[in-house]
N, C-alpha and C. Protein backbone atom coordinates (compact mmCIF):
# COMPACT_ATOMS: atom_id res chain seq x y z
N MET A 1 0.66 -0.97 0.13
CA MET A 1 -0.48 0.14 0.09
C MET A 1 0.97 1.24 0.23
N ARG A 2 0.56 2.12 -1.03
CA ARG A 2 1.27 3.76 -0.56
C ARG A 2 1.28 4.04 0.23
N THR A 3 2.23 5.37 0.56
CA THR A 3 1.89 5.49 2.23
C THR A 3 2.65 6.92 2.42
N VAL A 4 1.78 8.09 3.11
CA VAL A 4 2.36 9.25 3.32
C VAL A 4 2.25 9.14 5.26
N ILE A 5 3.59 9.62 5.28
CA ILE A 5 4.13 9.32 6.77
C ILE A 5 4.26 11.20 7.00
N PHE A 6 3.93 11.86 8.42
CA PHE A 6 4.12 13.12 8.43
C PHE A 6 5.41 13.55 9.64
N ASP A 7 5.96 13.93 9.85
CA ASP A 7 6.31 15.11 10.89
C ASP A 7 5.12 15.24 11.67
N LEU A 8 5.05 15.88 12.58
CA LEU A 8 4.02 16.32 13.65
C LEU A 8 4.45 17.96 14.11
N ASP A 9 5.61 18.14 14.39
CA ASP A 9 5.92 19.57 14.89
C ASP A 9 6.27 20.05 13.86
N GLY A 10 5.83 21.34 13.58
CA GLY A 10 6.14 22.62 12.02
C GLY A 10 5.63 21.62 10.72
N THR A 11 4.95 20.70 11.03
CA THR A 11 4.32 20.26 9.59
C THR A 11 3.01 19.91 9.18
N LEU A 12 2.29 19.27 10.37
CA LEU A 12 0.95 19.05 10.22
C LEU A 12 0.32 20.16 11.45
N ALA A 13 1.27 20.65 12.72
CA ALA A 13 0.92 21.66 13.68
C ALA A 13 1.84 22.40 14.29
N ASP A 14 1.76 23.66 14.33
CA ASP A 14 2.28 24.77 14.97
C ASP A 14 1.70 24.67 16.22
N THR A 15 3.29 23.95 16.81
CA THR A 15 3.18 23.85 18.32
C THR A 15 4.00 24.50 19.24
N SER A 16 4.75 25.62 18.36
CA SER A 16 6.03 26.16 19.61
C SER A 16 5.47 27.04 20.27
N GLY A 17 4.23 27.68 20.21
CA GLY A 17 4.15 28.60 21.24
C GLY A 17 3.77 27.61 22.60
N ASP A 18 3.20 26.36 22.63
CA ASP A 18 3.24 25.33 24.03
C ASP A 18 4.83 25.22 24.10
N LEU A 19 5.32 25.39 23.27
CA LEU A 19 6.99 24.06 23.59
C LEU A 19 7.89 25.58 24.65
N ILE A 20 7.28 26.65 23.65
CA ILE A 20 8.40 27.83 24.27
C ILE A 20 7.44 28.48 25.93
N ALA A 21 5.86 28.18 25.90
CA ALA A 21 5.95 28.50 27.78
C ALA A 21 6.28 27.26 28.26
N ALA A 22 6.43 25.76 27.79
CA ALA A 22 6.77 25.03 28.70
C ALA A 22 8.86 25.14 29.42
N ALA A 23 9.32 25.86 27.74
CA ALA A 23 11.12 25.88 28.69
C ALA A 23 10.66 27.07 29.38
N ASN A 24 9.74 28.16 29.06
CA ASN A 24 10.07 29.31 29.97
C ASN A 24 9.46 28.80 31.08
N ALA A 25 9.06 27.86 31.64
CA ALA A 25 8.88 27.86 32.80
C ALA A 25 9.91 27.07 33.49
N CYS A 26 10.49 26.14 32.72
CA CYS A 26 11.76 26.11 33.03
C CYS A 26 13.02 27.22 33.57
N PHE A 27 13.18 28.23 32.69
CA PHE A 27 13.91 29.37 32.67
C PHE A 27 13.27 29.96 33.99
N ALA A 28 11.71 30.42 34.65
CA ALA A 28 11.44 31.19 35.33
C ALA A 28 11.72 29.87 36.85
N ASP A 29 11.50 28.67 37.00
CA ASP A 29 12.56 27.79 38.12
C ASP A 29 13.88 28.51 38.11
N MET A 30 15.16 28.88 36.88
CA MET A 30 15.88 29.42 37.26
C MET A 30 16.35 30.45 37.94
N GLY A 31 14.89 31.40 38.18
CA GLY A 31 15.04 32.93 38.42
C GLY A 31 15.47 33.66 37.20
N GLU A 32 15.31 33.12 35.62
CA GLU A 32 15.79 34.21 35.16
C GLU A 32 14.38 34.15 34.05
N GLY A 33 12.75 33.93 34.71
CA GLY A 33 11.39 34.93 34.15
C GLY A 33 11.87 34.45 32.45
N ALA A 34 10.87 34.83 31.39
CA ALA A 34 10.51 34.29 30.34
C ALA A 34 11.95 34.48 29.48
N VAL A 35 12.53 33.78 29.30
CA VAL A 35 13.76 33.77 28.76
C VAL A 35 13.49 33.96 26.70
N LEU A 36 12.95 32.82 26.65
CA LEU A 36 12.63 32.59 24.91
C LEU A 36 11.37 33.74 24.39
N GLU A 37 11.48 33.95 22.80
CA GLU A 37 9.80 34.53 22.64
C GLU A 37 9.57 33.91 21.21
N LEU A 38 7.79 33.91 21.43
CA LEU A 38 7.48 32.89 20.09
C LEU A 38 7.99 33.68 18.65
N ALA A 39 7.74 34.68 18.41
CA ALA A 39 8.51 35.93 17.47
C ALA A 39 9.60 35.63 17.02
N THR A 40 11.15 35.07 17.93
CA THR A 40 11.90 35.42 17.53
C THR A 40 12.88 33.27 17.42
N ASP A 41 11.61 32.79 18.18
CA ASP A 41 12.55 31.42 18.67
C ASP A 41 11.52 30.63 18.51
N ALA A 42 10.46 30.68 17.34
CA ALA A 42 9.33 29.20 16.79
C ALA A 42 10.41 28.70 16.30
N GLY A 43 11.37 28.40 15.53
CA GLY A 43 11.93 27.60 14.50
C GLY A 43 12.98 26.76 15.78
N THR A 44 13.60 27.45 16.87
CA THR A 44 14.17 26.54 18.07
C THR A 44 13.31 25.68 18.22
N ALA A 45 12.04 25.88 18.87
CA ALA A 45 11.33 25.66 19.71
C ALA A 45 10.74 24.18 19.01
N LEU A 46 10.46 24.59 17.27
CA LEU A 46 10.29 23.15 16.70
C LEU A 46 11.76 22.17 16.69
N ARG A 47 12.66 22.19 16.60
CA ARG A 47 13.55 21.63 16.76
C ARG A 47 13.75 20.60 18.39
N GLY A 48 12.80 20.92 18.87
CA GLY A 48 12.54 20.21 20.55
C GLY A 48 12.80 20.81 21.84
N GLY A 49 13.07 19.75 23.16
CA GLY A 49 12.68 20.60 23.87
C GLY A 49 14.12 21.12 24.39
N LYS A 50 15.40 20.49 24.38
CA LYS A 50 16.46 20.22 24.64
C LYS A 50 17.25 21.69 23.85
N ALA A 51 16.87 21.70 22.39
CA ALA A 51 17.46 22.52 22.00
C ALA A 51 17.22 23.91 21.96
N MET A 52 15.39 24.21 23.07
CA MET A 52 15.07 25.55 23.10
C MET A 52 16.10 25.94 24.69
N LEU A 53 16.34 24.86 25.13
CA LEU A 53 16.72 24.35 26.46
C LEU A 53 18.44 25.04 26.33
N ARG A 54 18.62 24.88 25.23
CA ARG A 54 20.64 25.13 25.24
C ARG A 54 20.39 26.68 24.59
N LEU A 55 19.44 27.20 23.86
CA LEU A 55 19.58 28.55 23.47
C LEU A 55 19.36 29.20 24.44
N GLY A 56 18.10 29.33 25.52
CA GLY A 56 17.88 30.07 26.37
C GLY A 56 19.58 30.14 27.11
N LEU A 57 19.84 29.08 27.61
CA LEU A 57 20.97 28.89 28.73
C LEU A 57 22.09 29.64 28.16
N VAL A 58 22.54 29.62 27.18
CA VAL A 58 23.35 30.60 26.02
C VAL A 58 23.21 31.78 26.58
N ARG A 59 21.72 32.04 25.98
CA ARG A 59 21.46 33.76 26.11
C ARG A 59 21.41 34.78 27.55
N ILE A 60 21.04 33.56 28.49
CA ILE A 60 21.59 34.32 29.52
C ILE A 60 23.35 34.14 30.44
N GLY A 61 23.62 33.62 29.36
CA GLY A 61 24.98 33.58 29.85
C GLY A 61 25.17 32.56 31.05
N HIS A 62 24.50 30.87 31.10
CA HIS A 62 24.83 29.68 31.95
C HIS A 62 26.17 29.70 32.00
N THR A 63 27.27 29.80 33.46
CA THR A 63 28.15 30.08 33.49
C THR A 63 28.89 28.54 33.54
N GLY A 64 27.93 27.66 33.83
CA GLY A 64 27.98 26.38 34.63
C GLY A 64 28.14 25.32 33.16
N ASP A 65 28.02 23.66 33.26
CA ASP A 65 27.90 23.00 32.39
C ASP A 65 26.06 22.83 31.62
N ILE A 66 26.13 23.59 30.56
CA ILE A 66 25.07 23.34 30.15
C ILE A 66 24.49 22.34 29.54
N ASP A 67 25.84 21.08 29.23
CA ASP A 67 24.63 19.88 28.97
C ASP A 67 24.69 19.14 30.08
N ALA A 68 25.09 18.92 31.18
CA ALA A 68 23.97 18.93 32.89
C ALA A 68 22.77 19.99 33.58
N GLN A 69 23.06 21.14 32.80
CA GLN A 69 21.43 21.55 33.17
C GLN A 69 20.12 21.38 32.39
N ILE A 70 20.73 20.71 31.11
CA ILE A 70 19.91 20.61 30.06
C ILE A 70 19.26 19.24 30.30
N GLU A 71 19.90 18.41 30.54
CA GLU A 71 19.46 16.95 31.00
C GLU A 71 18.37 17.01 32.32
N ARG A 72 19.24 18.25 33.62
CA ARG A 72 18.35 18.13 34.64
C ARG A 72 17.15 18.28 34.23
N TYR A 73 16.82 19.85 33.70
CA TYR A 73 15.33 20.64 33.57
C TYR A 73 15.19 19.61 32.32
N TYR A 74 15.60 18.96 31.57
CA TYR A 74 14.43 18.35 30.18
C TYR A 74 13.62 17.01 30.69
N PRO A 75 13.32 16.78 31.90
CA PRO A 75 12.30 16.73 32.79
C PRO A 75 11.40 17.41 33.00
N VAL A 76 11.76 18.61 33.55
CA VAL A 76 10.80 19.38 34.05
C VAL A 76 9.82 20.03 32.74
N LEU A 77 10.83 19.85 31.45
CA LEU A 77 10.17 20.99 30.59
C LEU A 77 9.00 20.03 30.12
N LEU A 78 9.54 18.36 30.11
CA LEU A 78 8.44 17.67 29.43
C LEU A 78 7.42 17.67 30.23
N GLU A 79 7.66 18.01 31.75
CA GLU A 79 6.57 17.84 32.84
C GLU A 79 5.22 18.98 32.51
N ALA A 80 6.19 20.17 32.41
CA ALA A 80 5.20 21.69 32.06
C ALA A 80 4.16 21.25 30.90
N TYR A 81 4.93 20.90 29.73
CA TYR A 81 4.43 20.44 28.47
C TYR A 81 3.10 19.88 28.38
N GLY A 82 3.49 18.80 28.73
CA GLY A 82 2.28 18.01 29.22
C GLY A 82 1.56 18.59 29.93
N ALA A 83 1.58 19.32 30.93
CA ALA A 83 0.42 19.79 31.95
C ALA A 83 0.01 20.84 30.61
N ALA A 84 0.27 21.76 30.14
CA ALA A 84 -0.32 22.61 29.06
C ALA A 84 -0.25 22.44 27.24
N ILE A 85 -0.40 21.49 27.28
CA ILE A 85 0.06 20.81 26.03
C ILE A 85 -0.42 21.67 24.58
N ASN A 86 -1.73 22.15 24.73
CA ASN A 86 -3.03 22.35 23.67
C ASN A 86 -3.49 23.08 23.86
N VAL A 87 -2.74 24.55 24.44
CA VAL A 87 -3.50 25.64 24.89
C VAL A 87 -2.76 26.78 23.22
N HIS A 88 -2.16 26.90 22.72
CA HIS A 88 -1.73 27.54 21.87
C HIS A 88 -1.48 27.32 20.43
N THR A 89 -1.17 25.66 20.31
CA THR A 89 -1.61 24.79 19.19
C THR A 89 -2.18 24.78 18.56
N VAL A 90 -1.88 24.89 17.06
CA VAL A 90 -2.71 24.59 15.82
C VAL A 90 -2.99 23.78 14.92
N LEU A 91 -3.54 22.97 13.97
CA LEU A 91 -2.99 22.21 13.16
C LEU A 91 -3.00 23.73 11.85
N TYR A 92 -2.29 22.74 10.76
CA TYR A 92 -1.93 24.08 10.28
C TYR A 92 -2.85 23.92 8.97
N PRO A 93 -3.55 24.82 8.19
CA PRO A 93 -4.49 25.22 7.49
C PRO A 93 -4.36 24.29 6.52
N GLY A 94 -5.54 23.20 5.58
CA GLY A 94 -5.75 22.70 5.61
C GLY A 94 -4.74 21.21 5.71
N ALA A 95 -4.25 21.12 6.68
CA ALA A 95 -3.63 20.28 7.14
C ALA A 95 -4.33 18.76 7.06
N MET A 96 -6.01 18.73 7.66
CA MET A 96 -6.35 17.78 7.73
C MET A 96 -7.42 16.96 6.85
N GLU A 97 -7.87 18.01 6.25
CA GLU A 97 -8.29 17.69 4.67
C GLU A 97 -7.45 17.68 3.31
N ALA A 98 -5.83 17.88 3.27
CA ALA A 98 -5.57 16.51 2.55
C ALA A 98 -5.42 15.32 3.25
N VAL A 99 -4.53 15.15 4.77
CA VAL A 99 -5.11 13.80 5.14
C VAL A 99 -6.22 13.17 4.72
N ALA A 100 -7.58 13.60 5.19
CA ALA A 100 -8.52 12.62 4.50
C ALA A 100 -8.50 12.38 3.55
N ARG A 101 -8.24 13.41 2.05
CA ARG A 101 -8.16 13.20 0.25
C ARG A 101 -7.08 12.21 1.01
N LEU A 102 -6.30 12.26 0.99
CA LEU A 102 -4.98 11.11 0.73
C LEU A 102 -6.03 9.47 1.43
N SER A 103 -6.46 9.20 2.35
CA SER A 103 -7.12 8.39 2.93
C SER A 103 -8.10 8.15 1.78
N ARG A 104 -8.84 8.81 1.03
CA ARG A 104 -10.34 8.36 0.50
C ARG A 104 -9.27 8.05 -1.27
N ASP A 105 -8.15 7.85 -1.47
CA ASP A 105 -7.75 8.20 -2.65
C ASP A 105 -6.93 6.30 -2.40
N GLY A 106 -6.98 6.30 -1.33
CA GLY A 106 -6.22 5.17 -1.23
C GLY A 106 -4.84 4.53 -0.80
N TYR A 107 -4.67 6.23 0.24
CA TYR A 107 -3.27 6.44 0.68
C TYR A 107 -3.36 5.53 2.07
N ALA A 108 -2.19 5.33 2.48
CA ALA A 108 -2.19 4.73 4.21
C ALA A 108 -1.29 6.30 4.81
N VAL A 109 -1.57 6.59 5.77
CA VAL A 109 -1.40 7.71 6.20
C VAL A 109 -0.72 7.42 8.19
N GLY A 110 0.38 7.96 7.83
CA GLY A 110 1.11 7.56 9.48
C GLY A 110 1.36 8.94 10.50
N ILE A 111 2.32 8.71 11.40
CA ILE A 111 3.05 9.95 11.98
C ILE A 111 4.45 9.52 12.14
N CYS A 112 5.18 10.51 11.82
CA CYS A 112 6.78 9.91 12.38
C CYS A 112 7.29 11.00 13.18
N THR A 113 7.08 11.40 14.23
CA THR A 113 8.06 12.39 15.46
C THR A 113 8.99 11.99 16.12
N ASN A 114 9.85 13.01 16.77
CA ASN A 114 10.62 13.19 17.34
C ASN A 114 10.01 13.68 19.00
N LYS A 115 9.02 14.21 18.68
CA LYS A 115 8.25 13.82 20.37
C LYS A 115 8.05 12.74 20.75
N PRO A 116 8.07 12.90 22.03
CA PRO A 116 7.93 11.48 23.47
C PRO A 116 6.60 11.03 22.37
N ALA A 117 6.62 9.41 22.36
CA ALA A 117 5.30 8.76 21.44
C ALA A 117 3.95 9.30 22.83
N GLY A 118 4.39 9.53 23.96
CA GLY A 118 3.33 9.35 24.99
C GLY A 118 2.65 10.78 24.61
N LEU A 119 3.47 11.86 24.71
CA LEU A 119 3.12 13.51 24.18
C LEU A 119 2.41 14.01 22.83
N ALA A 120 2.87 12.80 22.04
CA ALA A 120 2.63 13.01 20.51
C ALA A 120 0.60 12.15 20.49
N GLU A 121 0.81 11.49 21.19
CA GLU A 121 -0.79 10.61 21.35
C GLU A 121 -1.12 11.53 22.25
N THR A 122 -1.78 12.37 22.99
CA THR A 122 -1.89 13.25 24.12
C THR A 122 -2.04 14.35 23.04
N LEU A 123 -0.89 15.19 22.25
CA LEU A 123 -1.64 16.15 21.67
C LEU A 123 -2.67 15.90 20.53
N MET A 124 -2.68 14.73 19.55
CA MET A 124 -3.77 14.29 18.86
C MET A 124 -4.75 14.18 18.64
N THR A 125 -4.86 13.41 20.29
CA THR A 125 -6.45 12.87 20.92
C THR A 125 -6.79 14.15 21.13
N GLN A 126 -6.23 15.23 21.47
CA GLN A 126 -7.10 16.76 22.05
C GLN A 126 -6.96 17.17 20.90
N LEU A 127 -6.60 17.23 20.47
CA LEU A 127 -6.56 17.98 18.81
C LEU A 127 -8.13 17.48 17.91
N GLY A 128 -8.34 15.96 18.56
CA GLY A 128 -9.24 15.41 17.57
C GLY A 128 -8.93 14.69 16.40
N VAL A 129 -8.06 14.50 16.43
CA VAL A 129 -7.79 14.18 15.00
C VAL A 129 -6.62 12.41 14.82
N ARG A 130 -6.65 12.30 16.17
CA ARG A 130 -5.57 11.01 16.52
C ARG A 130 -6.17 9.74 15.35
N ASP A 131 -7.14 9.45 15.17
CA ASP A 131 -7.80 8.60 14.51
C ASP A 131 -7.48 8.50 12.88
N ALA A 132 -7.44 9.55 12.49
CA ALA A 132 -6.77 9.69 11.24
C ALA A 132 -5.87 9.37 10.61
N PHE A 133 -5.40 9.21 11.54
CA PHE A 133 -3.74 8.14 11.50
C PHE A 133 -3.95 7.15 11.42
N ALA A 134 -3.01 6.28 10.78
CA ALA A 134 -2.99 4.49 10.81
C ALA A 134 -1.82 4.45 12.31
N SER A 135 -0.72 4.97 11.75
CA SER A 135 0.27 5.00 13.02
C SER A 135 0.75 6.48 13.52
N LEU A 136 1.25 5.84 14.54
CA LEU A 136 2.55 6.71 15.62
C LEU A 136 3.53 6.41 16.09
N ILE A 137 4.72 7.17 15.47
CA ILE A 137 6.04 6.92 16.44
C ILE A 137 6.87 7.65 16.66
N GLY A 138 7.36 7.90 17.60
CA GLY A 138 8.20 8.84 18.96
C GLY A 138 9.43 8.91 18.72
N ALA A 139 10.11 9.65 19.68
CA ALA A 139 11.15 9.46 19.52
C ALA A 139 11.36 8.13 21.01
N ASP A 140 11.03 8.11 20.94
CA ASP A 140 10.79 6.83 22.23
C ASP A 140 9.97 5.35 21.88
N THR A 141 9.62 5.50 20.55
CA THR A 141 8.71 4.24 20.45
C THR A 141 10.17 3.48 20.13
N LEU A 142 11.16 3.54 19.35
CA LEU A 142 12.32 2.65 19.15
C LEU A 142 13.81 2.73 19.54
N THR A 143 14.80 2.31 19.64
CA THR A 143 15.88 2.59 20.13
C THR A 143 16.21 3.56 19.44
N VAL A 144 15.74 4.11 18.23
CA VAL A 144 16.58 5.04 18.16
C VAL A 144 15.46 5.63 17.20
N ARG A 145 15.86 7.32 16.90
CA ARG A 145 15.24 8.07 16.49
C ARG A 145 15.27 8.67 15.00
N LYS A 146 14.22 9.60 14.55
CA LYS A 146 14.74 10.51 13.50
C LYS A 146 16.23 11.33 13.43
N PRO A 147 17.45 10.92 12.77
CA PRO A 147 17.30 10.36 11.46
C PRO A 147 17.53 9.67 10.99
N ASP A 148 17.00 8.33 11.73
CA ASP A 148 17.89 7.01 11.68
C ASP A 148 16.52 6.52 11.19
N ALA A 149 16.50 5.79 9.80
CA ALA A 149 15.62 5.58 8.92
C ALA A 149 14.25 4.71 9.32
N ALA A 150 14.90 3.63 10.77
CA ALA A 150 14.31 2.84 11.11
C ALA A 150 12.62 3.32 12.06
N PRO A 151 12.93 4.58 12.42
CA PRO A 151 11.23 4.81 12.65
C PRO A 151 10.21 5.26 11.44
N LEU A 152 11.04 5.99 10.28
CA LEU A 152 9.85 6.01 9.67
C LEU A 152 9.57 4.51 8.56
N VAL A 153 10.45 3.76 8.93
CA VAL A 153 9.97 2.55 7.94
C VAL A 153 9.17 1.78 9.14
N GLU A 154 9.36 1.70 10.49
CA GLU A 154 8.08 1.17 11.05
C GLU A 154 7.05 1.73 11.25
N ALA A 155 6.30 3.23 10.92
CA ALA A 155 5.37 4.09 10.98
C ALA A 155 4.91 3.18 9.81
N VAL A 156 5.74 3.37 7.95
CA VAL A 156 4.90 3.06 7.52
C VAL A 156 5.10 1.36 7.57
N ARG A 157 5.23 0.47 8.28
CA ARG A 157 5.08 -0.67 8.93
C ARG A 157 3.62 -0.83 9.22
N ARG A 158 3.62 -0.07 10.20
CA ARG A 158 2.23 -0.17 10.96
C ARG A 158 0.67 0.75 10.51
N ALA A 159 1.51 1.23 9.53
CA ALA A 159 0.21 2.04 8.72
C ALA A 159 -0.40 0.56 7.90
N GLY A 160 0.75 -0.46 7.79
CA GLY A 160 -0.17 -1.37 6.59
C GLY A 160 0.08 -1.39 5.46
N GLY A 161 1.75 0.00 5.13
CA GLY A 161 2.08 -0.09 3.96
C GLY A 161 3.42 -0.54 3.43
N ASP A 162 3.88 0.25 2.09
CA ASP A 162 5.17 -0.41 1.38
C ASP A 162 5.96 0.61 1.81
N PRO A 163 7.87 0.16 2.83
CA PRO A 163 8.26 1.38 2.18
C PRO A 163 8.83 1.30 1.11
N ARG A 164 8.76 0.65 0.44
CA ARG A 164 9.42 1.31 -0.95
C ARG A 164 8.56 2.48 -1.41
N ARG A 165 7.13 2.01 -1.18
CA ARG A 165 6.12 3.37 -1.72
C ARG A 165 5.56 4.42 -0.92
N ALA A 166 6.51 5.08 -0.28
CA ALA A 166 6.36 6.16 1.00
C ALA A 166 6.83 7.05 0.54
N LEU A 167 6.07 8.21 1.20
CA LEU A 167 6.94 9.44 1.77
C LEU A 167 6.71 9.97 3.09
N LEU A 168 7.81 10.81 3.20
CA LEU A 168 8.03 11.38 4.11
C LEU A 168 7.33 12.89 3.93
N VAL A 169 6.56 13.65 4.70
CA VAL A 169 6.02 15.31 4.75
C VAL A 169 6.77 15.54 5.82
N GLY A 170 7.66 16.47 5.84
CA GLY A 170 8.30 16.73 7.02
C GLY A 170 8.97 18.85 6.91
N ASP A 171 9.96 19.35 7.89
CA ASP A 171 9.43 20.99 7.65
C ASP A 171 11.42 21.24 7.79
N THR A 172 11.98 19.96 8.18
CA THR A 172 13.56 20.20 8.63
C THR A 172 14.28 19.02 8.29
N VAL A 173 15.70 19.22 8.32
CA VAL A 173 16.89 18.74 7.93
C VAL A 173 16.91 17.59 8.34
N THR A 174 16.32 17.02 9.48
CA THR A 174 15.77 15.79 10.07
C THR A 174 15.01 14.78 9.37
N ASP A 175 13.93 16.11 8.61
CA ASP A 175 13.28 15.25 8.22
C ASP A 175 13.51 14.60 6.41
N ARG A 176 14.47 15.79 6.34
CA ARG A 176 15.19 15.47 4.77
C ARG A 176 16.20 14.13 4.90
N GLU A 177 16.69 14.61 5.86
CA GLU A 177 17.90 13.06 5.99
C GLU A 177 17.30 11.40 6.31
N THR A 178 16.48 11.42 7.70
CA THR A 178 15.20 10.63 7.26
C THR A 178 15.16 9.65 6.16
N ALA A 179 14.37 10.49 5.69
CA ALA A 179 13.68 10.52 3.98
C ALA A 179 14.98 9.74 3.24
N ARG A 180 15.97 10.68 3.19
CA ARG A 180 17.53 9.91 2.27
C ARG A 180 17.76 8.42 2.79
N ALA A 181 17.71 8.46 4.07
CA ALA A 181 18.26 7.19 4.55
C ALA A 181 17.68 5.96 4.18
N ALA A 182 16.13 6.00 4.64
CA ALA A 182 15.09 5.27 4.09
C ALA A 182 14.92 5.11 2.49
N GLY A 183 15.50 5.93 2.09
CA GLY A 183 15.68 5.91 0.35
C GLY A 183 13.88 6.03 -0.35
N VAL A 184 13.63 7.28 0.39
CA VAL A 184 12.19 7.40 -0.05
C VAL A 184 12.03 8.98 -0.50
N PRO A 185 10.98 9.28 -1.56
CA PRO A 185 11.09 10.58 -1.50
C PRO A 185 10.55 11.62 0.08
N SER A 186 10.95 12.75 -0.11
CA SER A 186 10.58 13.89 0.85
C SER A 186 10.57 14.94 0.42
N VAL A 187 8.82 15.22 1.40
CA VAL A 187 8.69 16.93 0.88
C VAL A 187 8.40 18.08 1.96
N LEU A 188 9.06 18.62 1.74
CA LEU A 188 9.46 19.80 2.47
C LEU A 188 7.91 20.49 2.87
N VAL A 189 8.14 21.68 3.59
CA VAL A 189 6.70 22.66 3.70
C VAL A 189 7.45 23.29 3.75
N THR A 190 6.45 24.70 3.60
CA THR A 190 7.75 26.05 3.26
C THR A 190 6.52 27.09 4.35
N PHE A 191 5.86 26.95 5.19
CA PHE A 191 4.70 27.74 5.75
C PHE A 191 5.06 26.95 7.51
N GLY A 192 6.04 26.35 7.35
CA GLY A 192 6.81 26.31 9.11
C GLY A 192 7.69 27.38 9.31
N PRO A 193 8.19 27.76 10.13
CA PRO A 193 9.13 28.61 10.61
C PRO A 193 10.28 28.50 10.14
N GLY A 194 11.08 27.41 9.36
CA GLY A 194 11.82 27.06 8.01
C GLY A 194 11.82 28.21 7.07
N GLY A 195 10.90 28.48 6.45
CA GLY A 195 9.87 28.89 5.52
C GLY A 195 10.50 28.50 4.04
N ASP A 196 11.19 29.30 3.23
CA ASP A 196 11.62 28.68 1.96
C ASP A 196 13.32 28.60 2.14
N ASP A 197 13.41 28.72 3.86
CA ASP A 197 15.14 28.53 3.66
C ASP A 197 15.08 26.68 3.63
N VAL A 198 14.00 25.92 3.49
CA VAL A 198 13.93 24.46 3.40
C VAL A 198 14.38 24.29 1.79
N ALA A 199 14.11 24.93 0.96
CA ALA A 199 14.32 24.49 -0.71
C ALA A 199 16.04 23.77 -0.64
N ALA A 200 16.81 24.67 0.15
CA ALA A 200 18.27 24.63 -0.10
C ALA A 200 18.88 23.20 0.54
N LEU A 201 17.27 22.60 0.97
CA LEU A 201 17.55 21.14 1.60
C LEU A 201 17.48 20.13 0.25
N GLU A 202 17.11 20.96 -0.46
CA GLU A 202 16.65 19.98 -2.11
C GLU A 202 15.55 18.64 -1.81
N PRO A 203 14.46 19.07 -1.32
CA PRO A 203 13.92 17.76 -1.15
C PRO A 203 13.43 17.12 -2.44
N GLU A 204 12.73 16.44 -2.77
CA GLU A 204 12.21 15.75 -4.03
C GLU A 204 10.68 17.35 -4.19
N ALA A 205 10.32 17.45 -3.46
CA ALA A 205 9.13 18.63 -3.53
C ALA A 205 8.92 19.66 -2.27
N LEU A 206 8.49 20.67 -2.94
CA LEU A 206 8.55 21.43 -1.97
C LEU A 206 6.57 22.07 -1.89
N ILE A 207 6.48 22.30 -0.76
CA ILE A 207 4.57 22.53 -1.26
C ILE A 207 4.26 24.28 0.43
N GLY A 208 3.46 24.85 -0.08
CA GLY A 208 3.63 25.93 0.45
C GLY A 208 1.87 26.13 1.01
N HIS A 209 1.36 24.94 0.48
CA HIS A 209 0.03 24.81 1.53
C HIS A 209 -0.50 23.53 0.92
N TYR A 210 -1.22 22.90 1.53
CA TYR A 210 -1.89 21.74 2.28
C TYR A 210 -2.33 21.24 0.54
N ASP A 211 -3.36 22.31 0.10
CA ASP A 211 -3.58 22.20 -1.06
C ASP A 211 -3.14 21.36 -2.37
N GLU A 212 -1.87 21.61 -2.50
CA GLU A 212 -0.68 21.15 -3.36
C GLU A 212 -0.04 19.71 -2.94
N LEU A 213 -0.61 18.64 -2.00
CA LEU A 213 0.21 17.94 -1.61
C LEU A 213 -0.32 16.24 -2.45
N SER A 214 -1.55 16.67 -2.59
CA SER A 214 -2.13 15.38 -3.57
C SER A 214 -1.58 15.17 -4.75
N GLY A 215 -1.56 16.49 -5.51
CA GLY A 215 -0.83 16.04 -6.78
C GLY A 215 0.57 15.90 -6.77
N VAL A 216 1.09 16.31 -5.50
CA VAL A 216 2.53 16.23 -5.35
C VAL A 216 3.02 14.22 -4.87
N VAL A 217 2.24 13.89 -4.25
CA VAL A 217 1.45 12.80 -3.82
C VAL A 217 1.93 11.79 -5.09
N GLN A 218 0.68 11.97 -5.79
CA GLN A 218 0.35 10.96 -7.11
C GLN A 218 1.99 10.84 -8.03
N ARG A 219 2.69 12.36 -8.05
CA ARG A 219 4.15 12.20 -9.17
C ARG A 219 4.87 11.38 -8.19
N LEU A 220 5.01 11.64 -6.86
CA LEU A 220 6.29 10.95 -6.72
C LEU A 220 5.77 9.63 -6.42
N ILE A 221 4.85 9.07 -5.81
CA ILE A 221 5.01 7.54 -5.58
C ILE A 221 3.81 7.09 -5.87
N GLY A 222 2.88 7.46 -7.40
CA GLY A 222 1.50 7.80 -7.74
C GLY A 222 0.71 6.62 -7.15
């Protein structure tokens, strides 16, 4: 079965507001207040919790062991994020309409994300769209995560698809490299924080709106 697998953060949904709020809860605990700002730091937010903590610690001039501080506060960040995971998050325009069209056209659809699987399950359920996807693989589902090919291949397999007839829709270099490692095409979105800069990653296709996805998928995997 032909399969389309989606990244989550920055691809299906803009989760940056809630991620930044969780990181700022950590910085507040350090006595620093709100260190990150949505207007300037959304791109870092969508690269994950540790990236946000690192950016903030550098910004405040942390003089200790940054890696140790990140490891100390990463569980705190995850707890704060889990407690307020769907306050500011929104699905990108046309995302679920595109997913529904792919399903009607006979494609299996799933999710492969570097968000912890439990948080991803919770978020998609709260957004009311979890049942639209036949599989969901998170950062901790396997012993490896993207850009290793294994999570993508497993997402395809659990969706009932054939890894030789699949593609990955994403928004970052991690998604580009994951698709390359799996030997499948990648489609990168230009409406996320990366904007048109993702063109430099030379994916098989770029889309600026989900209205374009169906035609691109048909061209790339039939």
